[in-house]
Amino acid sequence: MTRETRLSPMQLPQVTEPRNPGMELDMGWVRRAQANSSAIERRVATLPGRRSVKKDHQAAWLLRAITCIDLTTLAGDDTTERVRRLCAKGRHPVRADLLQALGFDRLSVAAICVYHDMVAPAVAALTGSGIPVAAVSTGFPAGLSPFHLRVAEIGESVQAGANEIDIVISRRHVLSGDWQALYDEMRAFRAACGEAHVKAILATGELGTLRNVARASLVCMMAGADFIKTSTGKESVNATLPVSLVMIRAIREYHERTGYRVGYKPAGGISKAKDALVYLSLIKEELGDRWLRPDLFRFGASSLLGDIERQLEHHVTGAYSAAHRHALG
């Protein structure tokens, strides 16, 4: 297997893995889900210092991280030209001279993530690249628009060419413990996605407790989510290691019980290469190497790519470069 093959874009999970079909809502399983906050915090506190990779190993892990990035722009001033530039960066995320020095010919990000209005320009800009377009949907980021409009929004994005849909759940269902309502909502969103890959955004910073995060994770997987995702990036608290541990252990338990692998996507606040390495270490320890591929793991990020490219330049040249030398577009 060549280096180019190993790091080229992966197929969507429903192609490379049997797609999670979901199951009947198991309220006994949901109610049994708990989260020991003190133990969780102790576990994740050990990661940054205990799992450290250096030199060539670090460069290899950072290249792997790039292939797992959903390169994202979700700004109110997004334009067609900005999205085209972002797509160009997604096709060639590392400067050619650095990539050559590292011994690779080709590399790309996992997906480009945009609002619905930018789906068509992104699809056009990525033609022939094999990189999927992900659209945020269902009243992103608050998820408070009328239900029929949220479902219709999914259909519009799929029709426009989105291969992946990042939906937001109704937080009130979790906060009120109405797990049947959350399950029914997620099932409807999954059905509206059709063949498109669906990522369920839990907005974990607004769910109140880690136990709620665990239960919401299970319910969304039972309802057929292909991925569960931490955050929209718009909340005051986004991806954290404790939340990640709770969610990936729910993924592990779901896989052990059903045989289906569900993906994981931390999003929001992950902007440094060293943070990406910690998340990859956590995934490797808790879920294993199979989840260290873009069909089962993604970073929702924008500025992360620039910092990774800076670290790779330091690895190649021995000198740190200014951030403006690695612009996203």
Protein backbone atom coordinates (compact mmCIF):
# COMPACT_ATOMS: atom_id res chain seq x y z
CA MET A 1 0.00 0.00 0.00
CA THR A 2 1.53 3.32 -1.05
CA ARG A 3 1.62 6.40 1.11
CA GLU A 4 -0.64 8.17 -1.37
CA THR A 5 -3.23 5.40 -1.17
CA ARG A 6 -3.12 5.28 2.59
CA LEU A 7 -3.87 8.99 2.99
CA SER A 8 -6.24 9.59 0.09
CA PRO A 9 -9.89 10.53 0.82
CA MET A 10 -12.00 7.70 2.21
CA GLN A 11 -15.41 6.65 1.03
CA LEU A 12 -18.39 7.58 3.15
CA PRO A 13 -19.04 5.24 6.11
CA GLN A 14 -22.14 3.71 4.56
CA VAL A 15 -19.90 2.52 1.69
CA THR A 16 -16.90 1.23 3.67
CA GLU A 17 -18.90 -0.03 6.67
CA PRO A 18 -22.36 -1.54 7.04
CA ARG A 19 -24.44 1.55 7.73
CA ASN A 20 -25.90 1.90 11.21
CA PRO A 21 -29.60 1.14 10.64
CA GLY A 22 -30.58 2.15 14.14
CA MET A 23 -32.83 0.09 16.41
CA GLU A 24 -35.92 0.40 18.54
CA LEU A 25 -35.58 2.88 21.39
CA ASP A 26 -34.35 0.91 24.41
CA MET A 27 -35.33 3.05 27.39
CA GLY A 28 -33.82 0.59 29.86
CA TRP A 29 -30.41 1.01 28.22
CA VAL A 30 -30.84 4.80 28.08
CA ARG A 31 -31.80 5.10 31.76
CA ARG A 32 -28.87 2.92 32.84
CA ALA A 33 -26.39 5.26 31.15
CA GLN A 34 -24.46 7.22 33.78
CA ALA A 35 -21.33 9.38 33.87
CA ASN A 36 -18.91 9.60 36.79
CA SER A 37 -17.60 13.14 36.33
CA SER A 38 -14.66 12.83 38.74
CA ALA A 39 -13.41 9.60 37.16
CA ILE A 40 -13.86 11.01 33.66
CA GLU A 41 -11.89 14.15 34.49
CA ARG A 42 -9.08 12.09 36.06
CA ARG A 43 -8.89 9.89 32.99
CA VAL A 44 -8.60 12.71 30.46
CA ALA A 45 -6.22 14.74 32.62
CA THR A 46 -3.53 12.10 32.07
CA LEU A 47 -3.62 12.26 28.28
CA PRO A 48 -1.61 15.39 27.33
CA GLY A 49 1.44 14.39 29.38
CA ARG A 50 1.28 10.63 29.08
CA ARG A 51 0.72 10.31 25.33
CA SER A 52 3.38 12.33 23.54
CA VAL A 53 4.66 11.72 20.02
CA LYS A 54 7.79 13.37 18.60
CA LYS A 55 9.65 13.95 15.36
CA ASP A 56 8.69 11.64 12.47
CA HIS A 57 5.92 10.01 14.50
CA GLN A 58 4.41 13.40 15.27
CA ALA A 59 4.53 14.41 11.60
CA ALA A 60 2.78 11.18 10.62
CA TRP A 61 0.03 11.73 13.20
CA LEU A 62 -0.44 15.31 12.01
CA LEU A 63 -0.79 14.16 8.42
CA ARG A 64 -3.41 11.70 9.59
CA ALA A 65 -5.21 14.51 11.43
CA ILE A 66 -5.41 16.54 8.20
CA THR A 67 -7.18 13.69 6.42
CA CYS A 68 -9.80 13.74 9.21
CA ILE A 69 -10.62 17.46 9.05
CA ASP A 70 -14.02 18.74 7.96
CA LEU A 71 -12.64 22.06 6.72
CA THR A 72 -15.36 24.49 7.69
CA THR A 73 -16.65 27.99 7.02
CA LEU A 74 -19.88 28.98 8.74
CA ALA A 75 -19.72 32.76 8.79
CA GLY A 76 -22.43 35.27 8.00
CA ASP A 77 -20.18 36.92 5.43
CA ASP A 78 -19.37 33.74 3.48
CA THR A 79 -19.15 34.30 -0.25
CA THR A 80 -18.88 32.00 -3.24
CA GLU A 81 -15.28 33.05 -3.75
CA ARG A 82 -14.37 32.32 -0.12
CA VAL A 83 -15.84 28.85 -0.43
CA ARG A 84 -13.93 28.24 -3.68
CA ARG A 85 -10.69 29.20 -1.94
CA LEU A 86 -11.51 26.93 0.97
CA CYS A 87 -12.17 24.06 -1.42
CA ALA A 88 -8.84 24.71 -3.14
CA LYS A 89 -7.15 24.50 0.26
CA GLY A 90 -9.05 21.30 1.00
CA ARG A 91 -7.72 19.75 -2.21
CA HIS A 92 -4.13 20.78 -1.35
CA PRO A 93 -4.00 21.34 2.42
CA VAL A 94 -0.19 21.28 2.71
CA ARG A 95 2.27 23.22 0.55
CA ALA A 96 3.66 21.01 -2.19
CA ASP A 97 7.30 21.48 -1.14
CA LEU A 98 6.53 20.40 2.43
CA LEU A 99 4.52 17.42 1.28
CA GLN A 100 7.33 16.34 -1.03
CA ALA A 101 9.88 16.68 1.76
CA LEU A 102 7.69 14.43 3.90
CA GLY A 103 7.61 11.81 1.16
CA PHE A 104 3.99 12.19 0.04
CA ASP A 105 2.50 13.01 -3.33
CA ARG A 106 -1.11 13.64 -2.42
CA LEU A 107 -3.20 14.61 0.58
CA SER A 108 -6.65 16.09 1.13
CA VAL A 109 -9.06 16.92 3.92
CA ALA A 110 -12.05 14.70 4.72
CA ALA A 111 -14.81 17.11 3.69
CA ILE A 112 -15.77 20.75 3.19
CA CYS A 113 -18.53 21.93 5.56
CA VAL A 114 -20.71 24.93 4.65
CA TYR A 115 -24.17 26.44 4.98
CA HIS A 116 -26.86 25.34 2.52
CA ASP A 117 -26.46 28.36 0.22
CA MET A 118 -22.81 27.46 -0.33
CA VAL A 119 -23.38 23.77 -1.16
CA ALA A 120 -23.61 24.24 -4.94
CA PRO A 121 -20.42 26.35 -5.22
CA ALA A 122 -18.57 23.84 -3.05
CA VAL A 123 -19.77 20.89 -5.12
CA ALA A 124 -18.62 22.63 -8.29
CA ALA A 125 -15.23 23.51 -6.83
CA LEU A 126 -14.62 19.94 -5.64
CA THR A 127 -15.61 18.17 -8.87
CA GLY A 128 -13.32 15.22 -9.50
CA SER A 129 -11.59 15.46 -6.11
CA GLY A 130 -13.53 12.77 -4.26
CA ILE A 131 -13.95 15.18 -1.32
CA PRO A 132 -17.56 15.24 -0.04
CA VAL A 133 -19.53 18.37 0.80
CA ALA A 134 -21.15 18.54 4.23
CA ALA A 135 -24.02 20.95 4.91
CA VAL A 136 -25.16 22.11 8.33
CA SER A 137 -28.92 21.86 8.55
CA THR A 138 -32.12 21.70 10.63
CA GLY A 139 -32.07 25.31 11.77
CA PHE A 140 -28.36 25.35 12.60
CA PRO A 141 -27.13 26.34 15.14
CA ALA A 142 -30.12 26.60 17.53
CA GLY A 143 -32.45 24.08 15.87
CA LEU A 144 -35.52 26.13 16.77
CA SER A 145 -37.15 26.66 13.38
CA PRO A 146 -40.45 24.85 12.62
CA PHE A 147 -39.94 21.09 12.39
CA HIS A 148 -41.27 20.73 8.82
CA LEU A 149 -38.84 23.42 7.67
CA ARG A 150 -35.92 21.65 9.34
CA VAL A 151 -36.79 18.42 7.54
CA ALA A 152 -37.26 20.28 4.24
CA GLU A 153 -33.87 21.97 4.68
CA ILE A 154 -32.18 18.58 4.74
CA GLY A 155 -33.86 17.62 1.46
CA GLU A 156 -32.82 20.88 -0.18
CA SER A 157 -29.16 20.37 0.75
CA VAL A 158 -29.15 16.77 -0.45
CA GLN A 159 -30.73 17.85 -3.72
CA ALA A 160 -28.06 20.54 -4.09
CA GLY A 161 -25.37 17.87 -3.87
CA ALA A 162 -24.42 17.58 -0.21
CA ASN A 163 -23.07 14.11 0.62
CA GLU A 164 -23.17 14.67 4.36
CA ILE A 165 -25.66 16.50 6.57
CA ASP A 166 -24.74 17.85 10.02
CA ILE A 167 -28.07 18.17 11.86
CA VAL A 168 -28.70 19.79 15.24
CA ILE A 169 -30.95 18.13 17.79
CA SER A 170 -33.57 19.92 19.92
CA ARG A 171 -31.80 20.45 23.23
CA ARG A 172 -35.13 20.77 25.05
CA HIS A 173 -35.85 17.08 24.47
CA VAL A 174 -32.68 16.17 26.37
CA LEU A 175 -33.14 18.75 29.12
CA SER A 176 -36.72 17.58 29.76
CA GLY A 177 -35.82 13.89 29.48
CA ASP A 178 -38.18 13.35 26.55
CA TRP A 179 -36.10 10.62 24.93
CA GLN A 180 -38.93 9.39 22.71
CA ALA A 181 -39.24 12.85 21.16
CA LEU A 182 -35.47 13.00 20.53
CA TYR A 183 -35.56 9.51 19.00
CA ASP A 184 -38.49 10.36 16.72
CA GLU A 185 -36.85 13.62 15.63
CA MET A 186 -33.57 11.91 14.81
CA ARG A 187 -35.34 9.14 12.88
CA ALA A 188 -37.13 11.77 10.78
CA PHE A 189 -33.86 13.58 10.07
CA ARG A 190 -32.13 10.32 9.14
CA ALA A 191 -34.98 9.42 6.75
CA ALA A 192 -34.81 12.85 5.11
CA CYS A 193 -31.06 12.41 4.51
CA GLY A 194 -31.63 9.30 2.40
CA GLU A 195 -28.23 8.05 1.27
CA ALA A 196 -26.46 11.11 2.65
CA HIS A 197 -24.27 10.55 5.67
CA VAL A 198 -25.88 12.12 8.81
CA LYS A 199 -23.96 13.62 11.73
CA ALA A 200 -26.02 14.40 14.85
CA ILE A 201 -24.79 17.53 16.63
CA LEU A 202 -25.62 17.25 20.34
CA ALA A 203 -24.54 20.80 21.35
CA THR A 204 -23.04 19.23 24.46
CA GLY A 205 -22.24 22.57 26.10
CA GLU A 206 -25.98 23.16 26.43
CA LEU A 207 -27.05 19.73 27.72
CA GLY A 208 -26.34 20.40 31.39
CA THR A 209 -24.64 17.17 32.51
CA LEU A 210 -22.34 14.45 31.22
CA ARG A 211 -25.09 11.94 31.96
CA ASN A 212 -27.34 13.82 29.53
CA VAL A 213 -24.53 13.68 26.96
CA ALA A 214 -24.26 9.90 27.40
CA ARG A 215 -27.99 9.36 27.05
CA ALA A 216 -28.39 11.71 24.09
CA SER A 217 -25.49 9.91 22.34
CA LEU A 218 -27.18 6.54 22.76
CA VAL A 219 -30.60 7.77 21.61
CA CYS A 220 -29.18 9.37 18.45
CA MET A 221 -27.30 6.18 17.58
CA MET A 222 -30.42 4.10 18.21
CA ALA A 223 -32.21 6.42 15.79
CA GLY A 224 -29.64 5.75 13.05
CA ALA A 225 -27.00 8.48 13.28
CA ASP A 226 -23.86 7.72 11.22
CA PHE A 227 -21.83 10.08 13.42
CA ILE A 228 -22.36 11.86 16.71
CA LYS A 229 -20.78 15.30 16.99
CA THR A 230 -20.10 17.48 20.02
CA SER A 231 -20.99 21.00 19.02
CA THR A 232 -22.03 23.55 16.44
CA GLY A 233 -19.01 25.70 17.29
CA LYS A 234 -21.41 28.50 18.22
CA GLU A 235 -21.97 27.53 21.87
CA SER A 236 -20.01 29.08 24.74
CA VAL A 237 -18.53 25.62 25.50
CA ASN A 238 -17.75 23.33 22.59
CA ALA A 239 -15.62 20.17 22.30
CA THR A 240 -13.91 19.10 25.54
CA LEU A 241 -12.03 15.95 26.49
CA PRO A 242 -14.51 14.88 29.22
CA VAL A 243 -17.44 15.16 26.80
CA SER A 244 -15.43 13.31 24.17
CA LEU A 245 -14.68 10.44 26.54
CA VAL A 246 -18.38 10.07 27.39
CA MET A 247 -19.41 10.08 23.73
CA ILE A 248 -16.78 7.67 22.46
CA ARG A 249 -17.50 5.22 25.26
CA ALA A 250 -21.16 5.34 24.22
CA ILE A 251 -19.98 4.59 20.66
CA ARG A 252 -17.91 1.66 21.94
CA GLU A 253 -20.83 0.23 23.91
CA TYR A 254 -23.16 0.64 20.93
CA HIS A 255 -20.69 -1.21 18.69
CA GLU A 256 -20.27 -4.01 21.25
CA ARG A 257 -24.03 -4.49 21.49
CA THR A 258 -25.08 -4.04 17.86
CA GLY A 259 -21.98 -4.68 15.75
CA TYR A 260 -22.33 -1.29 14.00
CA ARG A 261 -19.61 1.34 14.09
CA VAL A 262 -20.70 4.94 14.53
CA GLY A 263 -18.32 7.82 13.89
CA TYR A 264 -17.27 10.65 16.18
CA LYS A 265 -16.68 14.34 15.45
CA PRO A 266 -15.39 16.85 18.02
CA ALA A 267 -16.01 20.39 16.81
CA GLY A 268 -15.42 23.89 18.09
CA GLY A 269 -12.33 25.18 19.86
CA ILE A 270 -9.84 22.69 18.43
CA SER A 271 -7.33 25.03 16.81
CA LYS A 272 -3.87 23.75 17.79
CA ALA A 273 -1.93 20.80 16.41
CA LYS A 274 -1.10 19.59 19.93
CA ASP A 275 -4.83 19.41 20.70
CA ALA A 276 -5.43 17.28 17.61
CA LEU A 277 -2.76 14.85 18.80
CA VAL A 278 -4.47 14.49 22.18
CA TYR A 279 -7.83 13.74 20.55
CA LEU A 280 -6.25 11.17 18.24
CA SER A 281 -4.57 9.52 21.24
CA LEU A 282 -7.90 9.33 23.06
CA ILE A 283 -9.58 7.73 20.05
CA LYS A 284 -6.76 5.21 19.64
CA GLU A 285 -6.88 4.18 23.31
CA GLU A 286 -10.67 4.00 23.67
CA LEU A 287 -11.85 2.82 20.24
CA GLY A 288 -8.77 1.49 18.46
CA ASP A 289 -7.03 2.11 15.17
CA ARG A 290 -10.12 1.46 13.04
CA TRP A 291 -11.61 4.76 14.22
CA LEU A 292 -8.48 6.71 13.20
CA ARG A 293 -9.75 7.07 9.65
CA PRO A 294 -11.94 9.79 8.14
CA ASP A 295 -14.89 7.48 7.60
CA LEU A 296 -15.22 7.17 11.40
CA PHE A 297 -13.48 10.23 12.83
CA ARG A 298 -13.56 13.92 11.93
CA PHE A 299 -12.40 17.20 13.36
CA GLY A 300 -14.80 20.08 12.81
CA ALA A 301 -12.27 22.86 12.31
CA SER A 302 -10.94 25.74 10.28
CA SER A 303 -7.86 27.29 11.91
CA LEU A 304 -6.56 23.86 13.01
CA LEU A 305 -5.22 23.15 9.53
CA GLY A 306 -3.05 26.27 9.52
CA ASP A 307 -1.38 25.36 12.81
CA ILE A 308 -0.76 21.79 11.66
CA GLU A 309 0.89 23.07 8.50
CA ARG A 310 3.13 25.35 10.62
CA GLN A 311 4.20 22.37 12.72
CA LEU A 312 4.97 20.36 9.60
CA GLU A 313 7.12 23.18 8.25
CA HIS A 314 9.00 23.23 11.54
CA HIS A 315 9.54 19.48 11.26
CA VAL A 316 10.94 19.85 7.73
CA THR A 317 13.01 23.04 8.14
CA GLY A 318 13.70 23.30 11.88
CA ALA A 319 12.18 26.80 11.99
CA TYR A 320 8.70 28.03 12.86
CA SER A 321 6.96 30.14 10.25
CA ALA A 322 4.42 32.91 10.59
CA ALA A 323 0.76 31.92 10.43
CA HIS A 324 0.17 34.06 7.33
CA ARG A 325 2.43 31.71 5.34
CA HIS A 326 -0.23 28.99 5.69
CA ALA A 327 -3.44 30.82 4.90
CA LEU A 328 -6.65 28.85 4.41
CA GLY A 329 -7.56 30.63 1.21
